[in-house]
Amino acid sequence: MKFVTNNQKQSTREVILHTIKSSAESTIETLAEAADVSPVTVRHHINSLLADNLIEATAVRRKVGRPYYTYSLSPDGQELFPKRYVRLTSRILDELKSRLPEEMVAEIFKGVVQGIIAEHTGEFESLPMEARLDYLVDMLGEEGFLSSWEKTADGYKLVEYSCPYISVGHQHSEVCTFDRELMLTVLQTPIQQHSCMLEGANCCEFSLVTDN
C-alpha cells in the first residue's frame, strides 16, 4: 500500500509514518514494500523516528529463530496527524454558552484552573517571587504556552509568545481567562495585560508590580 496526499508524492519518512498508522504491526519488510525502498533505508528512518520518540518498537518472539520487531505510533507520533480538537472544543463551548448563564461558564473555566492547581498543591506556595515565575513558566509550558519573564524597573514582565487556544479564542474569548487565572493563583499578585494575540499582537504581555 502506497500513500499519496494532495496529489504530491510523500517523502519516505511520511510514507513510513502513514503505513505505521494504518497498521499497528508494521515490520521492516512491510514498510520497505510500502515506501518502495530497501530494508536498509527503512531501518535508517526507523532509528531516526525512534530517536525522535515518534514510534515505538515491540519485540515479537518466535518459537524458532530470533525475534523480530513491529512498530506503532507513540503518543507524540499520533499528534503529527490532523485532529479536530479546535472544531470539537468550539462546538462544546457553543453548546455550554447556549445552555448556561455567562457567570456559570466563567466558573467552569475557573474550576478547570483549580483542578490544575490542585495537582501542584504544595509545590509553589512557599517559593519567592522569581522562583514562582520560573514555576509558572514551566506550568504554562506543560499546558502548551511558550512564555518567559524578566525583571523590570517596576516589577516583572511576563510574555507569552504562543497560545495553544488561539484558534478557539477567536470565537470564544473566555479561554483567555485560563492562563490569567493560572498566573493570579500561582503568583498571588495583581497582573495587568498590555497586549493580546487575539487582538492582533504578536504576543500576550503582562506586568506585575511587587514590593520586592
C-alpha atoms as a PDB file:
ATOM      1  CA  MET A   1       0.000   0.000   0.000  1.00  0.00           C
ATOM      2  CA  LYS A   2       1.430   3.387  -1.016  1.00  0.00           C
ATOM      3  CA  PHE A   3       0.244   6.730   0.346  1.00  0.00           C
ATOM      4  CA  VAL A   4      -0.149   9.939  -1.637  1.00  0.00           C
ATOM      5  CA  THR A   5      -1.587  13.146  -0.155  1.00  0.00           C
ATOM      6  CA  ASN A   6      -2.861  16.206  -2.018  1.00  0.00           C
ATOM      7  CA  ASN A   7      -1.550  14.772  -5.286  1.00  0.00           C
ATOM      8  CA  GLN A   8       2.009  15.169  -4.027  1.00  0.00           C
ATOM      9  CA  LYS A   9       4.361  12.257  -3.556  1.00  0.00           C
ATOM     10  CA  GLN A  10       5.247  11.876   0.098  1.00  0.00           C
ATOM     11  CA  SER A  11       8.746  11.548   1.469  1.00  0.00           C
ATOM     12  CA  THR A  12       9.916   8.108   2.573  1.00  0.00           C
ATOM     13  CA  ARG A  13       9.619   9.191   6.210  1.00  0.00           C
ATOM     14  CA  GLU A  14       5.997  10.284   5.677  1.00  0.00           C
ATOM     15  CA  VAL A  15       5.097   7.040   3.902  1.00  0.00           C
ATOM     16  CA  ILE A  16       6.592   5.059   6.777  1.00  0.00           C
ATOM     17  CA  LEU A  17       4.624   7.062   9.346  1.00  0.00           C
ATOM     18  CA  HIS A  18       1.356   6.707   7.426  1.00  0.00           C
ATOM     19  CA  THR A  19       1.927   2.980   6.965  1.00  0.00           C
ATOM     20  CA  ILE A  20       2.612   2.507  10.667  1.00  0.00           C
ATOM     21  CA  LYS A  21      -0.520   4.466  11.490  1.00  0.00           C
ATOM     22  CA  SER A  22      -2.600   2.234   9.227  1.00  0.00           C
ATOM     23  CA  SER A  23      -1.159  -0.945  10.729  1.00  0.00           C
ATOM     24  CA  ALA A  24      -0.033  -1.245  14.328  1.00  0.00           C
ATOM     25  CA  GLU A  25       2.039  -4.325  13.438  1.00  0.00           C
ATOM     26  CA  SER A  26       4.211  -2.894  10.685  1.00  0.00           C
ATOM     27  CA  THR A  27       7.544  -4.602  10.106  1.00  0.00           C
ATOM     28  CA  ILE A  28      10.677  -3.527   8.291  1.00  0.00           C
ATOM     29  CA  GLU A  29       9.626  -5.654   5.328  1.00  0.00           C
ATOM     30  CA  THR A  30       6.085  -4.247   5.036  1.00  0.00           C
ATOM     31  CA  LEU A  31       7.412  -0.706   5.413  1.00  0.00           C
ATOM     32  CA  ALA A  32      10.031  -1.261   2.732  1.00  0.00           C
ATOM     33  CA  GLU A  33       7.326  -2.537   0.381  1.00  0.00           C
ATOM     34  CA  ALA A  34       5.013   0.419   1.126  1.00  0.00           C
ATOM     35  CA  ALA A  35       7.753   3.012   0.637  1.00  0.00           C
ATOM     36  CA  ASP A  36       9.330   1.163  -2.311  1.00  0.00           C
ATOM     37  CA  VAL A  37      12.792   1.362  -0.759  1.00  0.00           C
ATOM     38  CA  SER A  38      15.270  -1.144   0.634  1.00  0.00           C
ATOM     39  CA  PRO A  39      15.016  -2.526   4.192  1.00  0.00           C
ATOM     40  CA  VAL A  40      18.340  -0.812   4.948  1.00  0.00           C
ATOM     41  CA  THR A  41      16.793   2.571   4.114  1.00  0.00           C
ATOM     42  CA  VAL A  42      13.747   1.776   6.248  1.00  0.00           C
ATOM     43  CA  ARG A  43      15.967   0.874   9.212  1.00  0.00           C
ATOM     44  CA  HIS A  44      17.679   4.251   8.895  1.00  0.00           C
ATOM     45  CA  HIS A  45      14.325   6.047   9.101  1.00  0.00           C
ATOM     46  CA  ILE A  46      13.086   3.762  11.891  1.00  0.00           C
ATOM     47  CA  ASN A  47      16.137   4.600  14.010  1.00  0.00           C
ATOM     48  CA  SER A  48      15.506   8.301  13.431  1.00  0.00           C
ATOM     49  CA  LEU A  49      11.801   8.013  14.307  1.00  0.00           C
ATOM     50  CA  LEU A  50      12.618   6.046  17.462  1.00  0.00           C
ATOM     51  CA  ALA A  51      15.156   8.694  18.484  1.00  0.00           C
ATOM     52  CA  ASP A  52      12.501  11.389  17.949  1.00  0.00           C
ATOM     53  CA  ASN A  53      10.055   9.403  20.111  1.00  0.00           C
ATOM     54  CA  LEU A  54       7.531   9.266  17.263  1.00  0.00           C
ATOM     55  CA  ILE A  55       7.217   5.478  17.118  1.00  0.00           C
ATOM     56  CA  GLU A  56       7.501   2.532  19.493  1.00  0.00           C
ATOM     57  CA  ALA A  57       9.017  -0.895  18.849  1.00  0.00           C
ATOM     58  CA  THR A  58       7.637  -4.189  20.144  1.00  0.00           C
ATOM     59  CA  ALA A  59       9.666  -7.401  20.072  1.00  0.00           C
ATOM     60  CA  VAL A  60       7.773 -10.446  18.745  1.00  0.00           C
ATOM     61  CA  ARG A  61       9.350 -13.705  19.791  1.00  0.00           C
ATOM     62  CA  ARG A  62       9.193 -16.761  17.571  1.00  0.00           C
ATOM     63  CA  LYS A  63       9.279 -20.391  18.615  1.00  0.00           C
ATOM     64  CA  VAL A  64      12.359 -20.770  16.446  1.00  0.00           C
ATOM     65  CA  GLY A  65      14.853 -18.076  15.464  1.00  0.00           C
ATOM     66  CA  ARG A  66      15.491 -14.555  16.523  1.00  0.00           C
ATOM     67  CA  PRO A  67      12.637 -12.217  17.476  1.00  0.00           C
ATOM     68  CA  TYR A  68      11.522  -9.546  15.046  1.00  0.00           C
ATOM     69  CA  TYR A  69      10.078  -6.085  15.718  1.00  0.00           C
ATOM     70  CA  THR A  70       6.798  -4.434  14.890  1.00  0.00           C
ATOM     71  CA  TYR A  71       6.293  -0.683  15.030  1.00  0.00           C
ATOM     72  CA  SER A  72       3.441   1.551  16.163  1.00  0.00           C
ATOM     73  CA  LEU A  73       2.993   5.287  16.632  1.00  0.00           C
ATOM     74  CA  SER A  74       3.829   6.781  20.024  1.00  0.00           C
ATOM     75  CA  PRO A  75       1.527   9.453  21.540  1.00  0.00           C
ATOM     76  CA  ASP A  76       3.869  12.087  20.044  1.00  0.00           C
ATOM     77  CA  GLY A  77       3.609  10.369  16.669  1.00  0.00           C
ATOM     78  CA  GLN A  78      -0.185  10.377  16.818  1.00  0.00           C
ATOM     79  CA  GLU A  79      -0.081  14.157  17.230  1.00  0.00           C
ATOM     80  CA  LEU A  80       1.522  14.520  13.788  1.00  0.00           C
ATOM     81  CA  PHE A  81      -1.771  13.610  12.141  1.00  0.00           C
ATOM     82  CA  PRO A  82      -4.634  16.080  11.743  1.00  0.00           C
ATOM     83  CA  LYS A  83      -7.039  16.320  14.660  1.00  0.00           C
ATOM     84  CA  ARG A  84     -10.312  18.154  15.061  1.00  0.00           C
ATOM     85  CA  TYR A  85      -9.747  19.371  18.604  1.00  0.00           C
ATOM     86  CA  VAL A  86     -10.435  23.005  17.733  1.00  0.00           C
ATOM     87  CA  ARG A  87     -13.720  22.246  15.980  1.00  0.00           C
ATOM     88  CA  LEU A  88     -14.932  19.954  18.773  1.00  0.00           C
ATOM     89  CA  THR A  89     -13.883  22.375  21.517  1.00  0.00           C
ATOM     90  CA  SER A  90     -15.615  25.259  19.781  1.00  0.00           C
ATOM     91  CA  ARG A  91     -18.805  23.247  19.392  1.00  0.00           C
ATOM     92  CA  ILE A  92     -18.757  22.200  23.046  1.00  0.00           C
ATOM     93  CA  LEU A  93     -18.320  25.824  24.113  1.00  0.00           C
ATOM     94  CA  ASP A  94     -21.144  26.899  21.805  1.00  0.00           C
ATOM     95  CA  GLU A  95     -23.384  24.347  23.482  1.00  0.00           C
ATOM     96  CA  LEU A  96     -22.331  25.333  27.000  1.00  0.00           C
ATOM     97  CA  LYS A  97     -22.912  29.023  26.309  1.00  0.00           C
ATOM     98  CA  SER A  98     -26.322  28.333  24.796  1.00  0.00           C
ATOM     99  CA  ARG A  99     -27.451  26.387  27.863  1.00  0.00           C
ATOM    100  CA  LEU A 100     -25.735  28.086  30.794  1.00  0.00           C
ATOM    101  CA  PRO A 101     -25.575  31.645  32.161  1.00  0.00           C
ATOM    102  CA  GLU A 102     -22.382  33.569  31.418  1.00  0.00           C
ATOM    103  CA  GLU A 103     -21.396  33.522  35.090  1.00  0.00           C
ATOM    104  CA  MET A 104     -21.610  29.731  35.219  1.00  0.00           C
ATOM    105  CA  VAL A 105     -19.449  29.340  32.112  1.00  0.00           C
ATOM    106  CA  ALA A 106     -16.836  31.562  33.775  1.00  0.00           C
ATOM    107  CA  GLU A 107     -16.993  29.385  36.898  1.00  0.00           C
ATOM    108  CA  ILE A 108     -16.394  26.285  34.774  1.00  0.00           C
ATOM    109  CA  PHE A 109     -13.196  27.809  33.401  1.00  0.00           C
ATOM    110  CA  LYS A 110     -12.081  28.701  36.928  1.00  0.00           C
ATOM    111  CA  GLY A 111     -12.828  25.146  38.019  1.00  0.00           C
ATOM    112  CA  VAL A 112     -10.559  23.778  35.294  1.00  0.00           C
ATOM    113  CA  VAL A 113      -7.743  26.018  36.536  1.00  0.00           C
ATOM    114  CA  GLN A 114      -8.322  24.988  40.131  1.00  0.00           C
ATOM    115  CA  GLY A 115      -8.118  21.348  39.086  1.00  0.00           C
ATOM    116  CA  ILE A 116      -4.690  22.003  37.551  1.00  0.00           C
ATOM    117  CA  ILE A 117      -3.568  23.942  40.615  1.00  0.00           C
ATOM    118  CA  ALA A 118      -4.687  21.092  42.870  1.00  0.00           C
ATOM    119  CA  GLU A 119      -2.196  18.833  41.064  1.00  0.00           C
ATOM    120  CA  HIS A 120       0.600  21.214  42.114  1.00  0.00           C
ATOM    121  CA  THR A 121      -0.500  21.986  45.682  1.00  0.00           C
ATOM    122  CA  GLY A 122       2.457  22.471  47.999  1.00  0.00           C
ATOM    123  CA  GLU A 123       4.981  22.892  45.208  1.00  0.00           C
ATOM    124  CA  PHE A 124       4.996  26.679  44.706  1.00  0.00           C
ATOM    125  CA  GLU A 125       3.239  28.379  47.649  1.00  0.00           C
ATOM    126  CA  SER A 126       6.417  28.932  49.692  1.00  0.00           C
ATOM    127  CA  LEU A 127       8.627  29.965  46.771  1.00  0.00           C
ATOM    128  CA  PRO A 128       9.969  33.519  46.431  1.00  0.00           C
ATOM    129  CA  MET A 129       8.552  35.545  43.537  1.00  0.00           C
ATOM    130  CA  GLU A 130      11.236  34.826  40.950  1.00  0.00           C
ATOM    131  CA  ALA A 131      11.123  31.112  41.698  1.00  0.00           C
ATOM    132  CA  ARG A 132       7.331  31.286  41.355  1.00  0.00           C
ATOM    133  CA  LEU A 133       7.743  32.933  37.966  1.00  0.00           C
ATOM    134  CA  ASP A 134      10.039  30.098  36.887  1.00  0.00           C
ATOM    135  CA  TYR A 135       7.482  27.612  38.165  1.00  0.00           C
ATOM    136  CA  LEU A 136       4.669  29.406  36.348  1.00  0.00           C
ATOM    137  CA  VAL A 137       6.572  29.402  33.037  1.00  0.00           C
ATOM    138  CA  ASP A 138       7.110  25.643  33.398  1.00  0.00           C
ATOM    139  CA  MET A 139       3.438  25.114  34.260  1.00  0.00           C
ATOM    140  CA  LEU A 140       2.306  27.172  31.284  1.00  0.00           C
ATOM    141  CA  GLY A 141       4.692  25.162  29.131  1.00  0.00           C
ATOM    142  CA  GLU A 142       3.011  21.939  30.234  1.00  0.00           C
ATOM    143  CA  GLU A 143      -0.293  23.431  29.031  1.00  0.00           C
ATOM    144  CA  GLY A 144       1.155  24.392  25.640  1.00  0.00           C
ATOM    145  CA  PHE A 145       2.157  28.032  26.190  1.00  0.00           C
ATOM    146  CA  LEU A 146       5.619  29.331  25.264  1.00  0.00           C
ATOM    147  CA  SER A 147       6.451  32.081  27.745  1.00  0.00           C
ATOM    148  CA  SER A 148       9.235  33.871  29.593  1.00  0.00           C
ATOM    149  CA  TRP A 149       9.640  36.550  32.245  1.00  0.00           C
ATOM    150  CA  GLU A 150      12.081  39.332  33.018  1.00  0.00           C
ATOM    151  CA  LYS A 151      12.660  41.783  35.830  1.00  0.00           C
ATOM    152  CA  THR A 152      11.820  45.437  35.122  1.00  0.00           C
ATOM    153  CA  ALA A 153      12.285  48.714  36.988  1.00  0.00           C
ATOM    154  CA  ASP A 154       8.715  48.492  38.290  1.00  0.00           C
ATOM    155  CA  GLY A 155       8.480  44.780  38.948  1.00  0.00           C
ATOM    156  CA  TYR A 156       8.273  41.947  36.423  1.00  0.00           C
ATOM    157  CA  LYS A 157       7.146  41.375  32.852  1.00  0.00           C
ATOM    158  CA  LEU A 158       5.681  38.088  31.651  1.00  0.00           C
ATOM    159  CA  VAL A 159       5.374  37.419  27.922  1.00  0.00           C
ATOM    160  CA  GLU A 160       3.543  34.591  26.140  1.00  0.00           C
ATOM    161  CA  TYR A 161       4.831  34.044  22.610  1.00  0.00           C
ATOM    162  CA  SER A 162       2.367  31.316  21.677  1.00  0.00           C
ATOM    163  CA  CYS A 163      -1.086  30.246  22.807  1.00  0.00           C
ATOM    164  CA  PRO A 164      -2.449  26.718  22.220  1.00  0.00           C
ATOM    165  CA  TYR A 165      -6.029  28.033  22.336  1.00  0.00           C
ATOM    166  CA  ILE A 166      -5.777  30.959  19.955  1.00  0.00           C
ATOM    167  CA  SER A 167      -7.919  29.293  17.261  1.00  0.00           C
ATOM    168  CA  VAL A 168     -10.711  28.659  19.770  1.00  0.00           C
ATOM    169  CA  GLY A 169     -10.199  32.069  21.335  1.00  0.00           C
ATOM    170  CA  HIS A 170     -11.199  33.880  18.156  1.00  0.00           C
ATOM    171  CA  GLN A 171     -14.733  32.587  18.718  1.00  0.00           C
ATOM    172  CA  HIS A 172     -14.682  32.161  22.481  1.00  0.00           C
ATOM    173  CA  SER A 173     -12.623  34.830  24.228  1.00  0.00           C
ATOM    174  CA  GLU A 174     -13.422  33.167  27.554  1.00  0.00           C
ATOM    175  CA  VAL A 175     -10.472  30.826  27.027  1.00  0.00           C
ATOM    176  CA  CYS A 176      -8.207  33.802  27.703  1.00  0.00           C
ATOM    177  CA  THR A 177      -9.190  33.553  31.362  1.00  0.00           C
ATOM    178  CA  PHE A 178      -7.369  30.209  31.587  1.00  0.00           C
ATOM    179  CA  ASP A 179      -3.771  31.443  31.622  1.00  0.00           C
ATOM    180  CA  ARG A 180      -4.628  34.606  33.583  1.00  0.00           C
ATOM    181  CA  GLU A 181      -6.234  32.525  36.337  1.00  0.00           C
ATOM    182  CA  LEU A 182      -3.109  30.361  36.467  1.00  0.00           C
ATOM    183  CA  MET A 183      -0.950  33.476  36.769  1.00  0.00           C
ATOM    184  CA  LEU A 184      -3.059  35.004  39.537  1.00  0.00           C
ATOM    185  CA  THR A 185      -3.222  31.774  41.510  1.00  0.00           C
ATOM    186  CA  VAL A 186       0.481  30.959  41.325  1.00  0.00           C
ATOM    187  CA  LEU A 187       1.851  34.485  41.683  1.00  0.00           C
ATOM    188  CA  GLN A 188      -0.726  35.752  44.200  1.00  0.00           C
ATOM    189  CA  THR A 189      -0.312  39.315  42.975  1.00  0.00           C
ATOM    190  CA  PRO A 190      -2.324  41.554  40.606  1.00  0.00           C
ATOM    191  CA  ILE A 191      -1.359  41.457  36.927  1.00  0.00           C
ATOM    192  CA  GLN A 192      -2.069  43.859  34.081  1.00  0.00           C
ATOM    193  CA  GLN A 193      -2.303  42.801  30.436  1.00  0.00           C
ATOM    194  CA  HIS A 194      -0.791  45.133  27.819  1.00  0.00           C
ATOM    195  CA  SER A 195      -1.183  43.154  24.592  1.00  0.00           C
ATOM    196  CA  CYS A 196      -3.135  40.156  23.330  1.00  0.00           C
ATOM    197  CA  MET A 197      -2.587  37.873  20.350  1.00  0.00           C
ATOM    198  CA  LEU A 198      -6.346  37.664  19.820  1.00  0.00           C
ATOM    199  CA  GLU A 199      -6.287  41.396  19.108  1.00  0.00           C
ATOM    200  CA  GLY A 200      -3.529  41.081  16.525  1.00  0.00           C
ATOM    201  CA  ALA A 201      -0.438  41.487  18.719  1.00  0.00           C
ATOM    202  CA  ASN A 202       2.479  39.103  18.228  1.00  0.00           C
ATOM    203  CA  CYS A 203       2.473  38.197  21.909  1.00  0.00           C
ATOM    204  CA  CYS A 204       0.483  38.480  25.124  1.00  0.00           C
ATOM    205  CA  GLU A 205       2.344  40.732  27.548  1.00  0.00           C
ATOM    206  CA  PHE A 206       1.613  41.117  31.246  1.00  0.00           C
ATOM    207  CA  SER A 207       3.174  43.130  34.031  1.00  0.00           C
ATOM    208  CA  LEU A 208       3.067  42.664  37.781  1.00  0.00           C
ATOM    209  CA  VAL A 209       4.191  45.100  40.438  1.00  0.00           C
ATOM    210  CA  THR A 210       5.558  43.721  43.689  1.00  0.00           C
ATOM    211  CA  ASP A 211       7.012  45.170  46.845  1.00  0.00           C
ATOM    212  CA  ASN A 212      10.226  43.199  46.377  1.00  0.00           C
END
